[in-house]
């Protein structure tokens, strides 16, 4: 048995949740991958995976084995990458996590440039608005906005986004155009963005000439994913606060209208975050450097 290959085969099944997808990603026949996993289980004397005709699940022992061997595979890849860096061309897998609208409107449109410069880097892009465990989920870095609470992580600022308040013209015709933030408490329908961790609604924030204000009025609809949050505004369900990079096209076409422009809150910082106790590979370093150069202008688009 090629133990290293068997471990890689098992890891890929865990990551893809499917023998066929795992085999395809490793460019090997399904039967070969299945045999490798069976040999690994026989070698260890434990069941790593539970297989049925409809699904594959990881046993508790399999989960523990995966978490421990994933670190070994990562270290081996980092070692290979370090020697590749000497030759000047980074390669290997880069796992990135990013929020929904930031992925759609900022990162993905810019990625062709990065991937053209570094054709040997393979990117696994996790897109969600939930917080991830960088160590447990084997993620190299996350791109997030807002204050940073975890001091065990390294954060590098990659720009500021502009937060605006907006609604559809149809909504404003029906409910009126608020002249001040306080008027949002008077009969207006708010579509709040909910924290994917706590489930609580983020308050509507406002600032003008040094004065800051938060509105925590009861919301009509709460949404915990950024693309769906914007979609709710476009459907005329109420007033939202969102970023200009997400709403700029709808503002340009007149689908949305900014309100309370004089009360725009302070610029919203974005960071790329990674574990401080993990070796920064050559591929991660070039990605972070590229983000630092590319993101500031892209994340503040439409703020004029």
C-alpha atoms as a PDB file:
ATOM      1  CA  UNK A   1       0.000   0.000   0.000  1.00  0.00           C
ATOM      2  CA  UNK A   2       1.166   3.520  -0.827  1.00  0.00           C
ATOM      3  CA  UNK A   3       0.216   4.939   2.569  1.00  0.00           C
ATOM      4  CA  UNK A   4       0.667   8.589   1.610  1.00  0.00           C
ATOM      5  CA  UNK A   5      -1.501   8.149  -1.480  1.00  0.00           C
ATOM      6  CA  UNK A   6      -4.084   6.272   0.594  1.00  0.00           C
ATOM      7  CA  UNK A   7      -4.208   9.098   3.128  1.00  0.00           C
ATOM      8  CA  UNK A   8      -4.650  11.632   0.325  1.00  0.00           C
ATOM      9  CA  UNK A   9      -7.436   9.527  -1.189  1.00  0.00           C
ATOM     10  CA  UNK A  10      -9.230   9.260   2.156  1.00  0.00           C
ATOM     11  CA  UNK A  11      -8.824  13.004   2.800  1.00  0.00           C
ATOM     12  CA  UNK A  12     -10.283  13.870  -0.575  1.00  0.00           C
ATOM     13  CA  UNK A  13     -13.345  11.654   0.085  1.00  0.00           C
ATOM     14  CA  UNK A  14     -13.901  13.492   3.370  1.00  0.00           C
ATOM     15  CA  UNK A  15     -13.527  16.893   1.677  1.00  0.00           C
ATOM     16  CA  UNK A  16     -15.759  16.130  -1.306  1.00  0.00           C
ATOM     17  CA  UNK A  17     -18.215  13.844   0.506  1.00  0.00           C
ATOM     18  CA  UNK A  18     -18.254  11.496  -2.461  1.00  0.00           C
ATOM     19  CA  UNK A  19     -15.998   8.750  -3.853  1.00  0.00           C
ATOM     20  CA  UNK A  20     -16.640   9.710  -7.468  1.00  0.00           C
ATOM     21  CA  UNK A  21     -15.817  13.402  -6.978  1.00  0.00           C
ATOM     22  CA  UNK A  22     -12.753  12.461  -4.938  1.00  0.00           C
ATOM     23  CA  UNK A  23     -11.513  10.103  -7.670  1.00  0.00           C
ATOM     24  CA  UNK A  24     -12.122  12.711 -10.358  1.00  0.00           C
ATOM     25  CA  UNK A  25     -10.180  15.363  -8.416  1.00  0.00           C
ATOM     26  CA  UNK A  26      -7.222  12.977  -8.067  1.00  0.00           C
ATOM     27  CA  UNK A  27      -7.466  11.823 -11.688  1.00  0.00           C
ATOM     28  CA  UNK A  28      -7.748   8.153 -10.767  1.00  0.00           C
ATOM     29  CA  UNK A  29     -10.383   5.452 -11.319  1.00  0.00           C
ATOM     30  CA  UNK A  30     -13.089   5.177  -8.686  1.00  0.00           C
ATOM     31  CA  UNK A  31     -12.146   1.550  -8.031  1.00  0.00           C
ATOM     32  CA  UNK A  32      -8.510   2.478  -7.373  1.00  0.00           C
ATOM     33  CA  UNK A  33      -9.477   5.161  -4.873  1.00  0.00           C
ATOM     34  CA  UNK A  34     -11.907   2.815  -3.119  1.00  0.00           C
ATOM     35  CA  UNK A  35      -9.209   0.145  -2.856  1.00  0.00           C
ATOM     36  CA  UNK A  36      -6.755   2.637  -1.348  1.00  0.00           C
ATOM     37  CA  UNK A  37      -9.245   3.625   1.345  1.00  0.00           C
ATOM     38  CA  UNK A  38     -10.009  -0.036   2.104  1.00  0.00           C
ATOM     39  CA  UNK A  39      -6.289  -0.788   2.413  1.00  0.00           C
ATOM     40  CA  UNK A  40      -5.846   2.152   4.764  1.00  0.00           C
ATOM     41  CA  UNK A  41      -8.725   0.945   6.948  1.00  0.00           C
ATOM     42  CA  UNK A  42      -7.228  -2.566   7.027  1.00  0.00           C
ATOM     43  CA  UNK A  43      -3.808  -1.141   7.919  1.00  0.00           C
ATOM     44  CA  UNK A  44      -5.270   0.887  10.801  1.00  0.00           C
ATOM     45  CA  UNK A  45      -7.756  -1.766  11.884  1.00  0.00           C
ATOM     46  CA  UNK A  46     -10.594   0.777  12.113  1.00  0.00           C
ATOM     47  CA  UNK A  47     -13.534   1.895  10.020  1.00  0.00           C
ATOM     48  CA  UNK A  48     -12.911   5.393   8.657  1.00  0.00           C
ATOM     49  CA  UNK A  49     -16.007   5.762   6.480  1.00  0.00           C
ATOM     50  CA  UNK A  50     -19.532   4.407   6.591  1.00  0.00           C
ATOM     51  CA  UNK A  51     -20.750   3.676   3.069  1.00  0.00           C
ATOM     52  CA  UNK A  52     -24.308   3.174   1.889  1.00  0.00           C
ATOM     53  CA  UNK A  53     -25.744   3.155  -1.607  1.00  0.00           C
ATOM     54  CA  UNK A  54     -26.790   6.793  -1.159  1.00  0.00           C
ATOM     55  CA  UNK A  55     -24.135   8.515   0.938  1.00  0.00           C
ATOM     56  CA  UNK A  56     -20.753   8.397   2.618  1.00  0.00           C
ATOM     57  CA  UNK A  57     -20.329   9.521   6.233  1.00  0.00           C
ATOM     58  CA  UNK A  58     -17.174   9.870   8.282  1.00  0.00           C
ATOM     59  CA  UNK A  59     -16.955   7.822  11.480  1.00  0.00           C
ATOM     60  CA  UNK A  60     -15.765   9.530  14.695  1.00  0.00           C
ATOM     61  CA  UNK A  61     -12.459   7.681  14.322  1.00  0.00           C
ATOM     62  CA  UNK A  62     -12.296   8.764  10.689  1.00  0.00           C
ATOM     63  CA  UNK A  63     -12.886  12.393  11.633  1.00  0.00           C
ATOM     64  CA  UNK A  64     -10.072  12.284  14.185  1.00  0.00           C
ATOM     65  CA  UNK A  65      -7.730  10.575  11.718  1.00  0.00           C
ATOM     66  CA  UNK A  66      -8.580  13.129   9.025  1.00  0.00           C
ATOM     67  CA  UNK A  67      -7.902  16.107  11.300  1.00  0.00           C
ATOM     68  CA  UNK A  68      -4.497  14.734  12.310  1.00  0.00           C
ATOM     69  CA  UNK A  69      -3.381  13.636   8.860  1.00  0.00           C
ATOM     70  CA  UNK A  70      -4.654  16.858   7.239  1.00  0.00           C
ATOM     71  CA  UNK A  71      -1.948  18.705   9.144  1.00  0.00           C
ATOM     72  CA  UNK A  72       0.682  16.286   7.828  1.00  0.00           C
ATOM     73  CA  UNK A  73      -0.517  16.668   4.245  1.00  0.00           C
ATOM     74  CA  UNK A  74      -0.531  20.437   4.676  1.00  0.00           C
ATOM     75  CA  UNK A  75       3.018  20.409   6.053  1.00  0.00           C
ATOM     76  CA  UNK A  76       4.225  18.264   3.151  1.00  0.00           C
ATOM     77  CA  UNK A  77       2.584  20.624   0.672  1.00  0.00           C
ATOM     78  CA  UNK A  78       4.155  23.599   2.434  1.00  0.00           C
ATOM     79  CA  UNK A  79       7.590  21.969   2.264  1.00  0.00           C
ATOM     80  CA  UNK A  80       7.143  21.357  -1.462  1.00  0.00           C
ATOM     81  CA  UNK A  81       5.936  24.922  -1.862  1.00  0.00           C
ATOM     82  CA  UNK A  82       8.954  26.314  -0.019  1.00  0.00           C
ATOM     83  CA  UNK A  83      11.336  24.625  -2.456  1.00  0.00           C
ATOM     84  CA  UNK A  84       9.207  25.751  -5.372  1.00  0.00           C
ATOM     85  CA  UNK A  85       9.420  29.296  -4.014  1.00  0.00           C
ATOM     86  CA  UNK A  86      13.172  29.125  -4.392  1.00  0.00           C
ATOM     87  CA  UNK A  87      12.591  28.657  -8.103  1.00  0.00           C
ATOM     88  CA  UNK A  88      10.197  31.616  -8.035  1.00  0.00           C
ATOM     89  CA  UNK A  89       6.877  29.987  -9.023  1.00  0.00           C
ATOM     90  CA  UNK A  90       4.383  29.245  -6.201  1.00  0.00           C
ATOM     91  CA  UNK A  91       2.070  26.279  -6.612  1.00  0.00           C
ATOM     92  CA  UNK A  92      -0.357  24.080  -4.689  1.00  0.00           C
ATOM     93  CA  UNK A  93      -3.752  24.424  -3.082  1.00  0.00           C
ATOM     94  CA  UNK A  94      -4.970  27.657  -1.499  1.00  0.00           C
ATOM     95  CA  UNK A  95      -8.134  27.513   0.614  1.00  0.00           C
ATOM     96  CA  UNK A  96      -9.901  30.844   0.990  1.00  0.00           C
ATOM     97  CA  UNK A  97     -13.175  31.748   2.709  1.00  0.00           C
ATOM     98  CA  UNK A  98     -15.135  34.895   1.901  1.00  0.00           C
ATOM     99  CA  UNK A  99     -18.614  36.373   2.300  1.00  0.00           C
ATOM    100  CA  UNK A 100     -21.238  35.996  -0.422  1.00  0.00           C
ATOM    101  CA  UNK A 101     -21.533  39.463  -1.941  1.00  0.00           C
ATOM    102  CA  UNK A 102     -17.800  40.167  -1.523  1.00  0.00           C
ATOM    103  CA  UNK A 103     -17.059  37.006  -3.484  1.00  0.00           C
ATOM    104  CA  UNK A 104     -19.565  37.815  -6.213  1.00  0.00           C
ATOM    105  CA  UNK A 105     -18.870  41.525  -6.651  1.00  0.00           C
ATOM    106  CA  UNK A 106     -15.223  41.966  -5.650  1.00  0.00           C
ATOM    107  CA  UNK A 107     -13.023  38.863  -5.519  1.00  0.00           C
ATOM    108  CA  UNK A 108     -14.316  36.648  -8.338  1.00  0.00           C
ATOM    109  CA  UNK A 109     -14.306  39.422 -10.998  1.00  0.00           C
ATOM    110  CA  UNK A 110     -10.660  40.112 -10.070  1.00  0.00           C
ATOM    111  CA  UNK A 111      -9.496  36.464  -9.872  1.00  0.00           C
ATOM    112  CA  UNK A 112      -8.695  36.005 -13.590  1.00  0.00           C
ATOM    113  CA  UNK A 113      -5.792  38.430 -13.152  1.00  0.00           C
ATOM    114  CA  UNK A 114      -4.384  36.500 -10.179  1.00  0.00           C
ATOM    115  CA  UNK A 115      -4.851  33.071 -11.757  1.00  0.00           C
ATOM    116  CA  UNK A 116      -3.192  34.232 -14.965  1.00  0.00           C
ATOM    117  CA  UNK A 117      -0.157  35.370 -12.973  1.00  0.00           C
ATOM    118  CA  UNK A 118      -0.009  32.172 -10.901  1.00  0.00           C
ATOM    119  CA  UNK A 119      -1.312  29.310 -13.049  1.00  0.00           C
ATOM    120  CA  UNK A 120       0.066  26.615 -10.708  1.00  0.00           C
ATOM    121  CA  UNK A 121      -1.999  27.728  -7.698  1.00  0.00           C
ATOM    122  CA  UNK A 122      -5.298  25.869  -7.291  1.00  0.00           C
ATOM    123  CA  UNK A 123      -7.944  27.776  -5.304  1.00  0.00           C
ATOM    124  CA  UNK A 124     -10.687  26.234  -3.190  1.00  0.00           C
ATOM    125  CA  UNK A 125     -13.090  29.118  -2.531  1.00  0.00           C
ATOM    126  CA  UNK A 126     -15.522  28.736   0.357  1.00  0.00           C
ATOM    127  CA  UNK A 127     -18.346  31.271   0.057  1.00  0.00           C
ATOM    128  CA  UNK A 128     -20.533  31.957   3.085  1.00  0.00           C
ATOM    129  CA  UNK A 129     -21.200  34.680   5.622  1.00  0.00           C
ATOM    130  CA  UNK A 130     -20.614  32.390   8.599  1.00  0.00           C
ATOM    131  CA  UNK A 131     -17.472  32.467  10.705  1.00  0.00           C
ATOM    132  CA  UNK A 132     -15.052  29.639   9.975  1.00  0.00           C
ATOM    133  CA  UNK A 133     -12.493  27.849  12.115  1.00  0.00           C
ATOM    134  CA  UNK A 134      -9.305  28.442  10.168  1.00  0.00           C
ATOM    135  CA  UNK A 135      -7.449  25.626  11.929  1.00  0.00           C
ATOM    136  CA  UNK A 136     -10.258  23.070  12.166  1.00  0.00           C
ATOM    137  CA  UNK A 137     -11.491  23.743   8.645  1.00  0.00           C
ATOM    138  CA  UNK A 138      -7.934  23.810   7.202  1.00  0.00           C
ATOM    139  CA  UNK A 139      -8.524  27.242   5.684  1.00  0.00           C
ATOM    140  CA  UNK A 140      -5.473  29.307   4.701  1.00  0.00           C
ATOM    141  CA  UNK A 141      -7.142  32.705   5.016  1.00  0.00           C
ATOM    142  CA  UNK A 142     -10.487  34.449   5.269  1.00  0.00           C
ATOM    143  CA  UNK A 143     -11.577  37.813   3.889  1.00  0.00           C
ATOM    144  CA  UNK A 144     -13.966  39.610   6.213  1.00  0.00           C
ATOM    145  CA  UNK A 145     -15.226  43.071   7.053  1.00  0.00           C
ATOM    146  CA  UNK A 146     -15.701  44.690  10.430  1.00  0.00           C
ATOM    147  CA  UNK A 147     -13.924  44.595  13.793  1.00  0.00           C
ATOM    148  CA  UNK A 148     -11.692  41.637  14.608  1.00  0.00           C
ATOM    149  CA  UNK A 149     -12.312  39.841  17.886  1.00  0.00           C
ATOM    150  CA  UNK A 150      -9.856  36.911  17.740  1.00  0.00           C
ATOM    151  CA  UNK A 151      -6.395  38.072  18.830  1.00  0.00           C
ATOM    152  CA  UNK A 152      -4.859  34.693  17.916  1.00  0.00           C
ATOM    153  CA  UNK A 153      -5.173  35.597  14.235  1.00  0.00           C
ATOM    154  CA  UNK A 154      -3.051  37.825  12.034  1.00  0.00           C
ATOM    155  CA  UNK A 155      -4.989  40.453  10.104  1.00  0.00           C
ATOM    156  CA  UNK A 156      -3.825  42.605   7.219  1.00  0.00           C
ATOM    157  CA  UNK A 157      -6.034  45.480   6.144  1.00  0.00           C
ATOM    158  CA  UNK A 158      -7.008  45.337   2.479  1.00  0.00           C
ATOM    159  CA  UNK A 159      -9.262  48.340   2.126  1.00  0.00           C
ATOM    160  CA  UNK A 160     -12.388  50.166   3.242  1.00  0.00           C
ATOM    161  CA  UNK A 161     -15.936  49.737   1.959  1.00  0.00           C
ATOM    162  CA  UNK A 162     -18.693  52.342   1.979  1.00  0.00           C
ATOM    163  CA  UNK A 163     -21.937  51.426   3.714  1.00  0.00           C
ATOM    164  CA  UNK A 164     -25.120  53.043   2.386  1.00  0.00           C
ATOM    165  CA  UNK A 165     -28.810  53.031   3.229  1.00  0.00           C
ATOM    166  CA  UNK A 166     -31.180  52.365   0.338  1.00  0.00           C
ATOM    167  CA  UNK A 167     -34.570  51.100  -0.834  1.00  0.00           C
ATOM    168  CA  UNK A 168     -36.518  50.767  -4.057  1.00  0.00           C
ATOM    169  CA  UNK A 169     -38.305  53.818  -5.512  1.00  0.00           C
ATOM    170  CA  UNK A 170     -41.561  51.892  -5.154  1.00  0.00           C
ATOM    171  CA  UNK A 171     -41.007  51.377  -1.438  1.00  0.00           C
ATOM    172  CA  UNK A 172     -40.131  55.049  -0.914  1.00  0.00           C
ATOM    173  CA  UNK A 173     -43.221  56.152  -2.846  1.00  0.00           C
ATOM    174  CA  UNK A 174     -45.390  54.024  -0.564  1.00  0.00           C
ATOM    175  CA  UNK A 175     -43.751  54.716   2.820  1.00  0.00           C
ATOM    176  CA  UNK A 176     -42.095  58.082   2.269  1.00  0.00           C
ATOM    177  CA  UNK A 177     -38.523  59.337   2.140  1.00  0.00           C
ATOM    178  CA  UNK A 178     -37.026  59.553   5.653  1.00  0.00           C
ATOM    179  CA  UNK A 179     -35.258  62.849   6.363  1.00  0.00           C
ATOM    180  CA  UNK A 180     -33.334  61.594   9.395  1.00  0.00           C
ATOM    181  CA  UNK A 181     -32.316  58.225  10.855  1.00  0.00           C
ATOM    182  CA  UNK A 182     -34.836  58.614  13.693  1.00  0.00           C
ATOM    183  CA  UNK A 183     -37.680  58.463  11.169  1.00  0.00           C
ATOM    184  CA  UNK A 184     -36.842  54.799  10.533  1.00  0.00           C
ATOM    185  CA  UNK A 185     -38.643  54.138  13.837  1.00  0.00           C
ATOM    186  CA  UNK A 186     -41.863  55.612  12.469  1.00  0.00           C
ATOM    187  CA  UNK A 187     -43.640  53.015  10.355  1.00  0.00           C
ATOM    188  CA  UNK A 188     -40.764  52.069   8.049  1.00  0.00           C
ATOM    189  CA  UNK A 189     -40.020  48.461   7.056  1.00  0.00           C
ATOM    190  CA  UNK A 190     -36.430  47.473   7.801  1.00  0.00           C
ATOM    191  CA  UNK A 191     -34.615  44.503   6.291  1.00  0.00           C
ATOM    192  CA  UNK A 192     -31.893  43.697   8.801  1.00  0.00           C
ATOM    193  CA  UNK A 193     -28.713  41.730   8.288  1.00  0.00           C
ATOM    194  CA  UNK A 194     -28.485  38.940  10.879  1.00  0.00           C
ATOM    195  CA  UNK A 195     -25.278  37.641  12.392  1.00  0.00           C
ATOM    196  CA  UNK A 196     -24.732  34.065  11.211  1.00  0.00           C
ATOM    197  CA  UNK A 197     -23.159  33.323  14.602  1.00  0.00           C
ATOM    198  CA  UNK A 198     -25.572  34.864  17.108  1.00  0.00           C
ATOM    199  CA  UNK A 199     -28.677  35.320  14.937  1.00  0.00           C
ATOM    200  CA  UNK A 200     -28.960  38.897  16.174  1.00  0.00           C
ATOM    201  CA  UNK A 201     -29.657  41.804  13.862  1.00  0.00           C
ATOM    202  CA  UNK A 202     -26.906  44.314  13.236  1.00  0.00           C
ATOM    203  CA  UNK A 203     -28.149  47.826  14.036  1.00  0.00           C
ATOM    204  CA  UNK A 204     -28.436  50.448  11.314  1.00  0.00           C
ATOM    205  CA  UNK A 205     -25.442  52.748  11.844  1.00  0.00           C
ATOM    206  CA  UNK A 206     -25.219  56.414  10.940  1.00  0.00           C
ATOM    207  CA  UNK A 207     -22.693  59.242  11.326  1.00  0.00           C
ATOM    208  CA  UNK A 208     -22.648  62.941  10.479  1.00  0.00           C
ATOM    209  CA  UNK A 209     -20.093  65.610  11.430  1.00  0.00           C
ATOM    210  CA  UNK A 210     -18.783  63.596  14.364  1.00  0.00           C
ATOM    211  CA  UNK A 211     -22.233  62.528  15.583  1.00  0.00           C
ATOM    212  CA  UNK A 212     -22.858  58.773  15.600  1.00  0.00           C
ATOM    213  CA  UNK A 213     -26.181  57.013  15.905  1.00  0.00           C
ATOM    214  CA  UNK A 214     -27.518  53.442  15.930  1.00  0.00           C
ATOM    215  CA  UNK A 215     -31.084  52.492  15.083  1.00  0.00           C
ATOM    216  CA  UNK A 216     -32.299  49.216  16.572  1.00  0.00           C
ATOM    217  CA  UNK A 217     -35.935  49.392  15.491  1.00  0.00           C
ATOM    218  CA  UNK A 218     -37.790  46.062  15.095  1.00  0.00           C
ATOM    219  CA  UNK A 219     -37.154  44.662  11.648  1.00  0.00           C
ATOM    220  CA  UNK A 220     -39.774  43.314   9.268  1.00  0.00           C
ATOM    221  CA  UNK A 221     -37.381  40.782   7.724  1.00  0.00           C
ATOM    222  CA  UNK A 222     -34.003  39.465   8.847  1.00  0.00           C
ATOM    223  CA  UNK A 223     -31.540  37.787   6.453  1.00  0.00           C
ATOM    224  CA  UNK A 224     -28.192  36.181   7.319  1.00  0.00           C
ATOM    225  CA  UNK A 225     -26.624  36.046   3.832  1.00  0.00           C
ATOM    226  CA  UNK A 226     -25.440  39.136   1.980  1.00  0.00           C
ATOM    227  CA  UNK A 227     -26.675  38.302  -1.532  1.00  0.00           C
ATOM    228  CA  UNK A 228     -30.136  37.384  -0.203  1.00  0.00           C
ATOM    229  CA  UNK A 229     -30.108  40.541   1.917  1.00  0.00           C
ATOM    230  CA  UNK A 230     -29.657  42.682  -1.191  1.00  0.00           C
ATOM    231  CA  UNK A 231     -32.260  40.621  -3.067  1.00  0.00           C
ATOM    232  CA  UNK A 232     -34.777  41.444  -0.335  1.00  0.00           C
ATOM    233  CA  UNK A 233     -34.167  45.147  -0.898  1.00  0.00           C
ATOM    234  CA  UNK A 234     -34.569  44.753  -4.664  1.00  0.00           C
ATOM    235  CA  UNK A 235     -37.870  42.974  -4.036  1.00  0.00           C
ATOM    236  CA  UNK A 236     -39.156  46.108  -2.310  1.00  0.00           C
ATOM    237  CA  UNK A 237     -39.366  44.474   1.117  1.00  0.00           C
ATOM    238  CA  UNK A 238     -37.858  47.421   2.926  1.00  0.00           C
ATOM    239  CA  UNK A 239     -34.846  49.584   3.712  1.00  0.00           C
ATOM    240  CA  UNK A 240     -31.394  47.997   3.945  1.00  0.00           C
ATOM    241  CA  UNK A 241     -27.853  49.024   4.741  1.00  0.00           C
ATOM    242  CA  UNK A 242     -25.408  47.431   2.337  1.00  0.00           C
ATOM    243  CA  UNK A 243     -22.091  48.137   0.647  1.00  0.00           C
ATOM    244  CA  UNK A 244     -21.769  50.243  -2.477  1.00  0.00           C
ATOM    245  CA  UNK A 245     -19.885  47.475  -4.288  1.00  0.00           C
ATOM    246  CA  UNK A 246     -22.954  45.224  -3.887  1.00  0.00           C
ATOM    247  CA  UNK A 247     -25.571  47.837  -4.746  1.00  0.00           C
ATOM    248  CA  UNK A 248     -23.793  49.999  -7.347  1.00  0.00           C
ATOM    249  CA  UNK A 249     -25.403  48.373 -10.392  1.00  0.00           C
ATOM    250  CA  UNK A 250     -28.898  48.594  -8.874  1.00  0.00           C
ATOM    251  CA  UNK A 251     -28.235  52.239  -7.983  1.00  0.00           C
ATOM    252  CA  UNK A 252     -26.999  52.939 -11.505  1.00  0.00           C
ATOM    253  CA  UNK A 253     -30.112  51.441 -13.112  1.00  0.00           C
ATOM    254  CA  UNK A 254     -32.484  53.063 -10.641  1.00  0.00           C
ATOM    255  CA  UNK A 255     -33.641  49.801  -9.045  1.00  0.00           C
ATOM    256  CA  UNK A 256     -32.430  51.148  -5.705  1.00  0.00           C
ATOM    257  CA  UNK A 257     -32.201  54.687  -4.388  1.00  0.00           C
ATOM    258  CA  UNK A 258     -29.800  55.815  -1.682  1.00  0.00           C
ATOM    259  CA  UNK A 259     -31.352  57.642   1.256  1.00  0.00           C
ATOM    260  CA  UNK A 260     -29.840  59.494   4.224  1.00  0.00           C
ATOM    261  CA  UNK A 261     -26.646  60.079   2.240  1.00  0.00           C
ATOM    262  CA  UNK A 262     -25.515  62.806   4.637  1.00  0.00           C
ATOM    263  CA  UNK A 263     -25.602  60.172   7.397  1.00  0.00           C
ATOM    264  CA  UNK A 264     -23.314  57.581   5.797  1.00  0.00           C
ATOM    265  CA  UNK A 265     -21.388  55.765   8.553  1.00  0.00           C
ATOM    266  CA  UNK A 266     -17.589  55.708   8.733  1.00  0.00           C
ATOM    267  CA  UNK A 267     -15.749  53.599   6.129  1.00  0.00           C
ATOM    268  CA  UNK A 268     -15.943  49.889   6.941  1.00  0.00           C
ATOM    269  CA  UNK A 269     -12.562  48.091   7.152  1.00  0.00           C
ATOM    270  CA  UNK A 270     -11.864  44.774   5.426  1.00  0.00           C
ATOM    271  CA  UNK A 271      -9.040  42.405   6.337  1.00  0.00           C
ATOM    272  CA  UNK A 272      -7.461  39.212   5.140  1.00  0.00           C
ATOM    273  CA  UNK A 273      -7.002  37.019   8.217  1.00  0.00           C
ATOM    274  CA  UNK A 274      -4.833  33.941   8.796  1.00  0.00           C
ATOM    275  CA  UNK A 275      -3.517  31.961  11.821  1.00  0.00           C
ATOM    276  CA  UNK A 276      -0.427  33.432  13.409  1.00  0.00           C
ATOM    277  CA  UNK A 277       1.042  30.032  14.307  1.00  0.00           C
ATOM    278  CA  UNK A 278       0.916  28.736  10.747  1.00  0.00           C
ATOM    279  CA  UNK A 279       3.778  29.033   8.292  1.00  0.00           C
ATOM    280  CA  UNK A 280       2.878  31.515   5.562  1.00  0.00           C
ATOM    281  CA  UNK A 281       3.464  29.653   2.337  1.00  0.00           C
ATOM    282  CA  UNK A 282       4.752  31.309  -0.800  1.00  0.00           C
ATOM    283  CA  UNK A 283       1.351  30.934  -2.480  1.00  0.00           C
ATOM    284  CA  UNK A 284      -0.455  32.537   0.478  1.00  0.00           C
ATOM    285  CA  UNK A 285       2.050  35.370   0.611  1.00  0.00           C
ATOM    286  CA  UNK A 286       1.627  36.258  -3.071  1.00  0.00           C
ATOM    287  CA  UNK A 287      -2.160  36.061  -2.696  1.00  0.00           C
ATOM    288  CA  UNK A 288      -2.140  38.428   0.295  1.00  0.00           C
ATOM    289  CA  UNK A 289       0.184  40.828  -1.515  1.00  0.00           C
ATOM    290  CA  UNK A 290      -2.118  40.757  -4.544  1.00  0.00           C
ATOM    291  CA  UNK A 291      -5.188  41.399  -2.357  1.00  0.00           C
ATOM    292  CA  UNK A 292      -3.499  44.376  -0.711  1.00  0.00           C
ATOM    293  CA  UNK A 293      -2.834  45.901  -4.104  1.00  0.00           C
ATOM    294  CA  UNK A 294      -6.119  44.979  -5.812  1.00  0.00           C
ATOM    295  CA  UNK A 295      -8.833  45.207  -3.160  1.00  0.00           C
ATOM    296  CA  UNK A 296      -8.822  48.867  -1.998  1.00  0.00           C
ATOM    297  CA  UNK A 297     -10.180  50.273  -5.278  1.00  0.00           C
ATOM    298  CA  UNK A 298     -12.540  47.360  -5.952  1.00  0.00           C
ATOM    299  CA  UNK A 299     -14.114  47.277  -2.511  1.00  0.00           C
ATOM    300  CA  UNK A 300     -14.857  50.998  -2.541  1.00  0.00           C
ATOM    301  CA  UNK A 301     -16.416  51.054  -5.997  1.00  0.00           C
ATOM    302  CA  UNK A 302     -19.581  53.116  -6.335  1.00  0.00           C
ATOM    303  CA  UNK A 303     -18.911  55.217  -3.228  1.00  0.00           C
ATOM    304  CA  UNK A 304     -18.828  58.558  -5.039  1.00  0.00           C
END
